[in-house]
């Protein structure tokens, strides 16, 4: 029916937002964020990431060759990634609001700035706080702020943690319709961490948006080979077969 076809279209055009957990990669967030101290529930405390200083900035690390800034008008089409709300809330105490988590991140950034010895060389704040702060800006739908945090993180994080920021940046670009930049950044993350399901589904989502269903299916299937209970991948596999009415030849 037309209704079912419409629902399939919506499913394919609504990428499932992804986030590589820093704790799953072995980082202890509690070293940098005090999740036990009470925070006032006053509005307005948000995690503003510092700007990169020219003396610290490496354009290669922050991927300045990608046309993300020149195409910033596209961010008008970026919608809040509400699917990441639970990931954001998991950074605070049980059932805290996202405003509480934002206030915690705000305080953590201020503390980090006041204690430069904890941040690594030539860094004003710890890179981990900036990549986690980007999650807040994605949930509230502020792409420029999210990208500012992610550029800071890419400039300062250790090489083995770049995939966290790359996947986040890929998601922001994808949601805004910058599909080339989304694919390049997701591909870089995949090269670094070929066995993370979150990265495979990120790549699959982008190919589905491009309309390259054969490659999308390959990556949805590889997602399931890494995490066989990942329902959004199963839903999208069904949607592609029903929506396209095609058969696909898979090549290794």
C-alpha atoms as a PDB file:
ATOM      1  CA  UNK A   1       0.000   0.000   0.000  1.00  0.00           C
ATOM      2  CA  UNK A   2       1.003   3.645  -0.439  1.00  0.00           C
ATOM      3  CA  UNK A   3       0.967   4.127   3.335  1.00  0.00           C
ATOM      4  CA  UNK A   4       3.454   1.309   3.850  1.00  0.00           C
ATOM      5  CA  UNK A   5       5.657   2.628   1.039  1.00  0.00           C
ATOM      6  CA  UNK A   6       5.571   6.075   2.665  1.00  0.00           C
ATOM      7  CA  UNK A   7       6.589   4.598   6.031  1.00  0.00           C
ATOM      8  CA  UNK A   8       9.512   2.796   4.388  1.00  0.00           C
ATOM      9  CA  UNK A   9      10.627   6.050   2.758  1.00  0.00           C
ATOM     10  CA  UNK A  10      10.556   7.823   6.118  1.00  0.00           C
ATOM     11  CA  UNK A  11      12.579   5.005   7.691  1.00  0.00           C
ATOM     12  CA  UNK A  12      15.297   5.240   5.043  1.00  0.00           C
ATOM     13  CA  UNK A  13      15.382   9.030   5.202  1.00  0.00           C
ATOM     14  CA  UNK A  14      15.653   9.058   9.010  1.00  0.00           C
ATOM     15  CA  UNK A  15      19.113   7.789   9.866  1.00  0.00           C
ATOM     16  CA  UNK A  16      19.492   6.223  13.279  1.00  0.00           C
ATOM     17  CA  UNK A  17      21.934   8.544  15.101  1.00  0.00           C
ATOM     18  CA  UNK A  18      25.110   6.859  16.301  1.00  0.00           C
ATOM     19  CA  UNK A  19      27.594   7.527  19.076  1.00  0.00           C
ATOM     20  CA  UNK A  20      30.765   5.604  19.932  1.00  0.00           C
ATOM     21  CA  UNK A  21      30.805   5.341  23.726  1.00  0.00           C
ATOM     22  CA  UNK A  22      34.033   6.680  25.201  1.00  0.00           C
ATOM     23  CA  UNK A  23      33.617   4.407  28.228  1.00  0.00           C
ATOM     24  CA  UNK A  24      33.298   1.382  25.936  1.00  0.00           C
ATOM     25  CA  UNK A  25      36.683   2.440  24.549  1.00  0.00           C
ATOM     26  CA  UNK A  26      38.216   2.372  28.013  1.00  0.00           C
ATOM     27  CA  UNK A  27      38.019   6.015  29.098  1.00  0.00           C
ATOM     28  CA  UNK A  28      36.874   6.772  32.649  1.00  0.00           C
ATOM     29  CA  UNK A  29      34.597   9.808  32.402  1.00  0.00           C
ATOM     30  CA  UNK A  30      34.405  10.165  36.164  1.00  0.00           C
ATOM     31  CA  UNK A  31      38.019  11.329  36.169  1.00  0.00           C
ATOM     32  CA  UNK A  32      36.832  14.485  34.425  1.00  0.00           C
ATOM     33  CA  UNK A  33      33.139  14.848  35.320  1.00  0.00           C
ATOM     34  CA  UNK A  34      31.911  14.769  38.912  1.00  0.00           C
ATOM     35  CA  UNK A  35      28.625  12.937  38.445  1.00  0.00           C
ATOM     36  CA  UNK A  36      27.851  12.781  42.156  1.00  0.00           C
ATOM     37  CA  UNK A  37      28.046  16.434  43.167  1.00  0.00           C
ATOM     38  CA  UNK A  38      24.620  18.104  43.132  1.00  0.00           C
ATOM     39  CA  UNK A  39      24.151  20.691  40.403  1.00  0.00           C
ATOM     40  CA  UNK A  40      21.624  23.513  40.563  1.00  0.00           C
ATOM     41  CA  UNK A  41      18.834  23.121  38.041  1.00  0.00           C
ATOM     42  CA  UNK A  42      19.179  26.712  36.869  1.00  0.00           C
ATOM     43  CA  UNK A  43      18.761  27.168  33.161  1.00  0.00           C
ATOM     44  CA  UNK A  44      21.496  28.493  30.964  1.00  0.00           C
ATOM     45  CA  UNK A  45      24.569  26.511  32.010  1.00  0.00           C
ATOM     46  CA  UNK A  46      25.713  24.857  28.790  1.00  0.00           C
ATOM     47  CA  UNK A  47      28.988  23.211  27.732  1.00  0.00           C
ATOM     48  CA  UNK A  48      30.616  25.819  25.485  1.00  0.00           C
ATOM     49  CA  UNK A  49      33.800  24.369  24.008  1.00  0.00           C
ATOM     50  CA  UNK A  50      36.808  26.688  23.647  1.00  0.00           C
ATOM     51  CA  UNK A  51      37.885  27.873  20.221  1.00  0.00           C
ATOM     52  CA  UNK A  52      41.061  26.438  18.773  1.00  0.00           C
ATOM     53  CA  UNK A  53      44.011  28.795  19.119  1.00  0.00           C
ATOM     54  CA  UNK A  54      45.926  29.371  15.871  1.00  0.00           C
ATOM     55  CA  UNK A  55      49.133  28.258  17.585  1.00  0.00           C
ATOM     56  CA  UNK A  56      47.552  24.893  18.498  1.00  0.00           C
ATOM     57  CA  UNK A  57      45.487  24.332  15.382  1.00  0.00           C
ATOM     58  CA  UNK A  58      46.437  21.575  12.922  1.00  0.00           C
ATOM     59  CA  UNK A  59      44.178  21.908   9.828  1.00  0.00           C
ATOM     60  CA  UNK A  60      44.987  18.327   8.829  1.00  0.00           C
ATOM     61  CA  UNK A  61      43.754  16.930  12.150  1.00  0.00           C
ATOM     62  CA  UNK A  62      40.564  19.015  12.060  1.00  0.00           C
ATOM     63  CA  UNK A  63      39.840  17.996   8.438  1.00  0.00           C
ATOM     64  CA  UNK A  64      39.699  21.567   7.170  1.00  0.00           C
ATOM     65  CA  UNK A  65      40.033  20.245   3.601  1.00  0.00           C
ATOM     66  CA  UNK A  66      36.429  19.001   3.785  1.00  0.00           C
ATOM     67  CA  UNK A  67      33.816  21.569   2.670  1.00  0.00           C
ATOM     68  CA  UNK A  68      32.013  21.568   6.025  1.00  0.00           C
ATOM     69  CA  UNK A  69      32.492  25.247   6.938  1.00  0.00           C
ATOM     70  CA  UNK A  70      31.883  26.621   3.406  1.00  0.00           C
ATOM     71  CA  UNK A  71      28.576  24.707   3.308  1.00  0.00           C
ATOM     72  CA  UNK A  72      27.512  25.756   6.808  1.00  0.00           C
ATOM     73  CA  UNK A  73      24.221  27.158   5.431  1.00  0.00           C
ATOM     74  CA  UNK A  74      23.148  23.517   5.178  1.00  0.00           C
ATOM     75  CA  UNK A  75      22.995  23.366   8.962  1.00  0.00           C
ATOM     76  CA  UNK A  76      19.642  25.135   8.732  1.00  0.00           C
ATOM     77  CA  UNK A  77      18.336  21.662   7.794  1.00  0.00           C
ATOM     78  CA  UNK A  78      19.897  19.976  10.823  1.00  0.00           C
ATOM     79  CA  UNK A  79      17.349  18.681  13.306  1.00  0.00           C
ATOM     80  CA  UNK A  80      17.928  17.769  16.972  1.00  0.00           C
ATOM     81  CA  UNK A  81      19.160  14.184  17.245  1.00  0.00           C
ATOM     82  CA  UNK A  82      16.634  13.182  19.894  1.00  0.00           C
ATOM     83  CA  UNK A  83      17.631   9.527  19.540  1.00  0.00           C
ATOM     84  CA  UNK A  84      20.805  10.351  21.488  1.00  0.00           C
ATOM     85  CA  UNK A  85      18.975  11.691  24.557  1.00  0.00           C
ATOM     86  CA  UNK A  86      19.509   8.496  26.556  1.00  0.00           C
ATOM     87  CA  UNK A  87      23.220   8.424  25.675  1.00  0.00           C
ATOM     88  CA  UNK A  88      23.488  11.992  26.945  1.00  0.00           C
ATOM     89  CA  UNK A  89      21.515  11.285  30.130  1.00  0.00           C
ATOM     90  CA  UNK A  90      23.752   8.308  30.879  1.00  0.00           C
ATOM     91  CA  UNK A  91      26.520  10.835  31.590  1.00  0.00           C
ATOM     92  CA  UNK A  92      24.686  12.047  34.701  1.00  0.00           C
ATOM     93  CA  UNK A  93      22.942  10.510  37.656  1.00  0.00           C
ATOM     94  CA  UNK A  94      19.839   8.410  37.210  1.00  0.00           C
ATOM     95  CA  UNK A  95      16.979  10.245  35.513  1.00  0.00           C
ATOM     96  CA  UNK A  96      18.671  13.636  35.437  1.00  0.00           C
ATOM     97  CA  UNK A  97      17.374  16.040  32.827  1.00  0.00           C
ATOM     98  CA  UNK A  98      19.570  17.033  29.901  1.00  0.00           C
ATOM     99  CA  UNK A  99      19.770  20.500  31.511  1.00  0.00           C
ATOM    100  CA  UNK A 100      21.404  18.912  34.558  1.00  0.00           C
ATOM    101  CA  UNK A 101      23.870  17.030  32.358  1.00  0.00           C
ATOM    102  CA  UNK A 102      24.625  20.255  30.454  1.00  0.00           C
ATOM    103  CA  UNK A 103      25.370  22.004  33.769  1.00  0.00           C
ATOM    104  CA  UNK A 104      27.681  19.139  34.811  1.00  0.00           C
ATOM    105  CA  UNK A 105      29.580  19.377  31.531  1.00  0.00           C
ATOM    106  CA  UNK A 106      29.757  23.172  31.883  1.00  0.00           C
ATOM    107  CA  UNK A 107      31.346  22.838  35.334  1.00  0.00           C
ATOM    108  CA  UNK A 108      33.699  20.089  34.124  1.00  0.00           C
ATOM    109  CA  UNK A 109      34.937  22.277  31.245  1.00  0.00           C
ATOM    110  CA  UNK A 110      35.511  25.207  33.627  1.00  0.00           C
ATOM    111  CA  UNK A 111      37.410  22.971  36.065  1.00  0.00           C
ATOM    112  CA  UNK A 112      39.499  21.540  33.221  1.00  0.00           C
ATOM    113  CA  UNK A 113      40.373  25.051  31.994  1.00  0.00           C
ATOM    114  CA  UNK A 114      41.455  26.003  35.516  1.00  0.00           C
ATOM    115  CA  UNK A 115      43.658  22.898  35.825  1.00  0.00           C
ATOM    116  CA  UNK A 116      45.652  22.706  32.579  1.00  0.00           C
ATOM    117  CA  UNK A 117      47.927  19.987  33.948  1.00  0.00           C
ATOM    118  CA  UNK A 118      45.158  17.408  33.495  1.00  0.00           C
ATOM    119  CA  UNK A 119      44.539  18.168  29.826  1.00  0.00           C
ATOM    120  CA  UNK A 120      47.572  16.929  27.942  1.00  0.00           C
ATOM    121  CA  UNK A 121      50.032  19.083  26.095  1.00  0.00           C
ATOM    122  CA  UNK A 122      48.974  22.464  24.751  1.00  0.00           C
ATOM    123  CA  UNK A 123      45.291  21.826  25.394  1.00  0.00           C
ATOM    124  CA  UNK A 124      43.074  24.331  27.221  1.00  0.00           C
ATOM    125  CA  UNK A 125      40.525  21.674  28.186  1.00  0.00           C
ATOM    126  CA  UNK A 126      40.582  17.885  28.099  1.00  0.00           C
ATOM    127  CA  UNK A 127      39.598  16.543  24.662  1.00  0.00           C
ATOM    128  CA  UNK A 128      37.234  14.008  26.252  1.00  0.00           C
ATOM    129  CA  UNK A 129      35.038  16.782  27.637  1.00  0.00           C
ATOM    130  CA  UNK A 130      34.725  18.432  24.237  1.00  0.00           C
ATOM    131  CA  UNK A 131      33.709  15.247  22.428  1.00  0.00           C
ATOM    132  CA  UNK A 132      31.126  14.475  25.133  1.00  0.00           C
ATOM    133  CA  UNK A 133      29.867  18.079  25.056  1.00  0.00           C
ATOM    134  CA  UNK A 134      29.215  17.641  21.327  1.00  0.00           C
ATOM    135  CA  UNK A 135      26.605  15.056  22.307  1.00  0.00           C
ATOM    136  CA  UNK A 136      24.631  17.753  24.148  1.00  0.00           C
ATOM    137  CA  UNK A 137      24.714  20.067  21.120  1.00  0.00           C
ATOM    138  CA  UNK A 138      23.567  17.223  18.847  1.00  0.00           C
ATOM    139  CA  UNK A 139      20.595  16.481  21.107  1.00  0.00           C
ATOM    140  CA  UNK A 140      19.499  20.138  21.192  1.00  0.00           C
ATOM    141  CA  UNK A 141      20.129  20.562  17.455  1.00  0.00           C
ATOM    142  CA  UNK A 142      22.980  23.094  17.306  1.00  0.00           C
ATOM    143  CA  UNK A 143      25.263  21.822  14.539  1.00  0.00           C
ATOM    144  CA  UNK A 144      27.833  24.680  14.585  1.00  0.00           C
ATOM    145  CA  UNK A 145      28.366  24.261  18.349  1.00  0.00           C
ATOM    146  CA  UNK A 146      28.641  20.465  17.976  1.00  0.00           C
ATOM    147  CA  UNK A 147      31.183  20.839  15.168  1.00  0.00           C
ATOM    148  CA  UNK A 148      33.200  23.368  17.192  1.00  0.00           C
ATOM    149  CA  UNK A 149      33.491  20.823  20.013  1.00  0.00           C
ATOM    150  CA  UNK A 150      34.379  18.013  17.603  1.00  0.00           C
ATOM    151  CA  UNK A 151      37.080  20.032  15.819  1.00  0.00           C
ATOM    152  CA  UNK A 152      38.648  20.774  19.198  1.00  0.00           C
ATOM    153  CA  UNK A 153      38.535  17.089  20.078  1.00  0.00           C
ATOM    154  CA  UNK A 154      40.004  15.980  16.732  1.00  0.00           C
ATOM    155  CA  UNK A 155      42.831  18.472  17.188  1.00  0.00           C
ATOM    156  CA  UNK A 156      43.756  17.217  20.666  1.00  0.00           C
ATOM    157  CA  UNK A 157      42.622  13.609  21.153  1.00  0.00           C
ATOM    158  CA  UNK A 158      45.048  10.665  21.007  1.00  0.00           C
ATOM    159  CA  UNK A 159      45.096   8.874  17.624  1.00  0.00           C
ATOM    160  CA  UNK A 160      43.319   5.745  18.888  1.00  0.00           C
ATOM    161  CA  UNK A 161      40.314   7.819  20.043  1.00  0.00           C
ATOM    162  CA  UNK A 162      39.731   9.793  16.845  1.00  0.00           C
ATOM    163  CA  UNK A 163      36.949   7.424  15.769  1.00  0.00           C
ATOM    164  CA  UNK A 164      34.667   8.788  18.537  1.00  0.00           C
ATOM    165  CA  UNK A 165      34.785  12.331  17.147  1.00  0.00           C
ATOM    166  CA  UNK A 166      34.823  11.164  13.512  1.00  0.00           C
ATOM    167  CA  UNK A 167      31.574   9.200  13.916  1.00  0.00           C
ATOM    168  CA  UNK A 168      29.938  12.148  15.680  1.00  0.00           C
ATOM    169  CA  UNK A 169      31.086  14.558  12.944  1.00  0.00           C
ATOM    170  CA  UNK A 170      29.859  12.147  10.273  1.00  0.00           C
ATOM    171  CA  UNK A 171      26.415  12.078  11.904  1.00  0.00           C
ATOM    172  CA  UNK A 172      26.162  15.864  12.049  1.00  0.00           C
ATOM    173  CA  UNK A 173      27.178  16.170   8.378  1.00  0.00           C
ATOM    174  CA  UNK A 174      24.740  13.410   7.389  1.00  0.00           C
ATOM    175  CA  UNK A 175      21.807  15.019   9.190  1.00  0.00           C
ATOM    176  CA  UNK A 176      22.593  18.331   7.475  1.00  0.00           C
ATOM    177  CA  UNK A 177      22.767  16.706   4.035  1.00  0.00           C
ATOM    178  CA  UNK A 178      26.559  17.014   3.617  1.00  0.00           C
ATOM    179  CA  UNK A 179      26.737  13.419   2.425  1.00  0.00           C
ATOM    180  CA  UNK A 180      30.233  13.520   0.912  1.00  0.00           C
ATOM    181  CA  UNK A 181      31.807  14.834   4.127  1.00  0.00           C
ATOM    182  CA  UNK A 182      29.705  12.364   6.128  1.00  0.00           C
ATOM    183  CA  UNK A 183      31.003   9.441   4.066  1.00  0.00           C
ATOM    184  CA  UNK A 184      34.644  10.572   4.207  1.00  0.00           C
ATOM    185  CA  UNK A 185      34.624  11.003   7.998  1.00  0.00           C
ATOM    186  CA  UNK A 186      32.777   7.709   8.593  1.00  0.00           C
ATOM    187  CA  UNK A 187      35.245   5.972   6.269  1.00  0.00           C
ATOM    188  CA  UNK A 188      38.166   7.311   8.292  1.00  0.00           C
ATOM    189  CA  UNK A 189      36.552   5.988  11.486  1.00  0.00           C
ATOM    190  CA  UNK A 190      35.966   2.596   9.846  1.00  0.00           C
ATOM    191  CA  UNK A 191      39.587   2.378   8.769  1.00  0.00           C
ATOM    192  CA  UNK A 192      40.669   2.989  12.347  1.00  0.00           C
ATOM    193  CA  UNK A 193      38.103   0.719  14.056  1.00  0.00           C
ATOM    194  CA  UNK A 194      36.829  -1.913  11.600  1.00  0.00           C
ATOM    195  CA  UNK A 195      35.022  -3.953  14.270  1.00  0.00           C
ATOM    196  CA  UNK A 196      32.692  -1.384  15.850  1.00  0.00           C
ATOM    197  CA  UNK A 197      29.026  -1.910  14.956  1.00  0.00           C
ATOM    198  CA  UNK A 198      28.224   1.796  15.474  1.00  0.00           C
ATOM    199  CA  UNK A 199      30.622   2.702  12.672  1.00  0.00           C
ATOM    200  CA  UNK A 200      29.255   0.087  10.252  1.00  0.00           C
ATOM    201  CA  UNK A 201      25.690   1.312  10.745  1.00  0.00           C
ATOM    202  CA  UNK A 202      26.847   4.922  10.320  1.00  0.00           C
ATOM    203  CA  UNK A 203      28.313   4.052   6.908  1.00  0.00           C
ATOM    204  CA  UNK A 204      25.194   2.034   5.994  1.00  0.00           C
ATOM    205  CA  UNK A 205      22.913   4.963   6.847  1.00  0.00           C
ATOM    206  CA  UNK A 206      24.872   7.300   4.573  1.00  0.00           C
ATOM    207  CA  UNK A 207      24.795   4.879   1.632  1.00  0.00           C
ATOM    208  CA  UNK A 208      21.033   4.450   2.148  1.00  0.00           C
ATOM    209  CA  UNK A 209      20.589   8.243   1.972  1.00  0.00           C
ATOM    210  CA  UNK A 210      22.687   8.405  -1.194  1.00  0.00           C
ATOM    211  CA  UNK A 211      20.501   5.661  -2.697  1.00  0.00           C
ATOM    212  CA  UNK A 212      23.367   3.167  -3.011  1.00  0.00           C
ATOM    213  CA  UNK A 213      21.289   0.349  -1.540  1.00  0.00           C
ATOM    214  CA  UNK A 214      23.714  -2.415  -2.409  1.00  0.00           C
ATOM    215  CA  UNK A 215      26.491  -0.906  -0.301  1.00  0.00           C
ATOM    216  CA  UNK A 216      23.994   0.092   2.389  1.00  0.00           C
ATOM    217  CA  UNK A 217      22.860  -3.526   2.698  1.00  0.00           C
ATOM    218  CA  UNK A 218      26.431  -4.777   2.881  1.00  0.00           C
ATOM    219  CA  UNK A 219      27.090  -2.483   5.834  1.00  0.00           C
ATOM    220  CA  UNK A 220      23.771  -3.234   7.560  1.00  0.00           C
ATOM    221  CA  UNK A 221      24.619  -6.940   7.300  1.00  0.00           C
ATOM    222  CA  UNK A 222      28.148  -6.361   8.614  1.00  0.00           C
ATOM    223  CA  UNK A 223      26.578  -4.382  11.490  1.00  0.00           C
ATOM    224  CA  UNK A 224      24.507  -7.462  12.375  1.00  0.00           C
ATOM    225  CA  UNK A 225      27.553  -9.716  12.120  1.00  0.00           C
ATOM    226  CA  UNK A 226      29.120  -7.550  14.856  1.00  0.00           C
ATOM    227  CA  UNK A 227      25.949  -7.014  16.923  1.00  0.00           C
ATOM    228  CA  UNK A 228      23.211  -9.443  15.931  1.00  0.00           C
ATOM    229  CA  UNK A 229      20.452  -7.865  18.040  1.00  0.00           C
ATOM    230  CA  UNK A 230      20.707  -4.399  16.461  1.00  0.00           C
ATOM    231  CA  UNK A 231      17.057  -3.900  15.467  1.00  0.00           C
ATOM    232  CA  UNK A 232      17.406  -0.606  13.511  1.00  0.00           C
ATOM    233  CA  UNK A 233      19.704  -2.419  11.047  1.00  0.00           C
ATOM    234  CA  UNK A 234      17.130  -5.211  10.605  1.00  0.00           C
ATOM    235  CA  UNK A 235      14.357  -2.648  10.029  1.00  0.00           C
ATOM    236  CA  UNK A 236      16.380  -0.884   7.360  1.00  0.00           C
ATOM    237  CA  UNK A 237      17.346  -4.100   5.586  1.00  0.00           C
ATOM    238  CA  UNK A 238      13.632  -4.932   5.289  1.00  0.00           C
ATOM    239  CA  UNK A 239      12.876  -1.373   4.191  1.00  0.00           C
ATOM    240  CA  UNK A 240      15.474  -1.461   1.412  1.00  0.00           C
ATOM    241  CA  UNK A 241      14.201  -4.751  -0.020  1.00  0.00           C
ATOM    242  CA  UNK A 242      10.566  -3.591   0.113  1.00  0.00           C
ATOM    243  CA  UNK A 243      11.222  -0.027  -0.989  1.00  0.00           C
ATOM    244  CA  UNK A 244      13.475  -0.758  -3.934  1.00  0.00           C
ATOM    245  CA  UNK A 245      11.893  -3.992  -5.159  1.00  0.00           C
ATOM    246  CA  UNK A 246      15.375  -4.949  -6.317  1.00  0.00           C
ATOM    247  CA  UNK A 247      17.517  -7.995  -5.903  1.00  0.00           C
ATOM    248  CA  UNK A 248      21.151  -7.401  -5.077  1.00  0.00           C
ATOM    249  CA  UNK A 249      24.360  -9.125  -6.035  1.00  0.00           C
ATOM    250  CA  UNK A 250      26.866  -9.031  -3.223  1.00  0.00           C
ATOM    251  CA  UNK A 251      30.534  -9.089  -4.111  1.00  0.00           C
ATOM    252  CA  UNK A 252      33.304  -9.674  -1.630  1.00  0.00           C
END
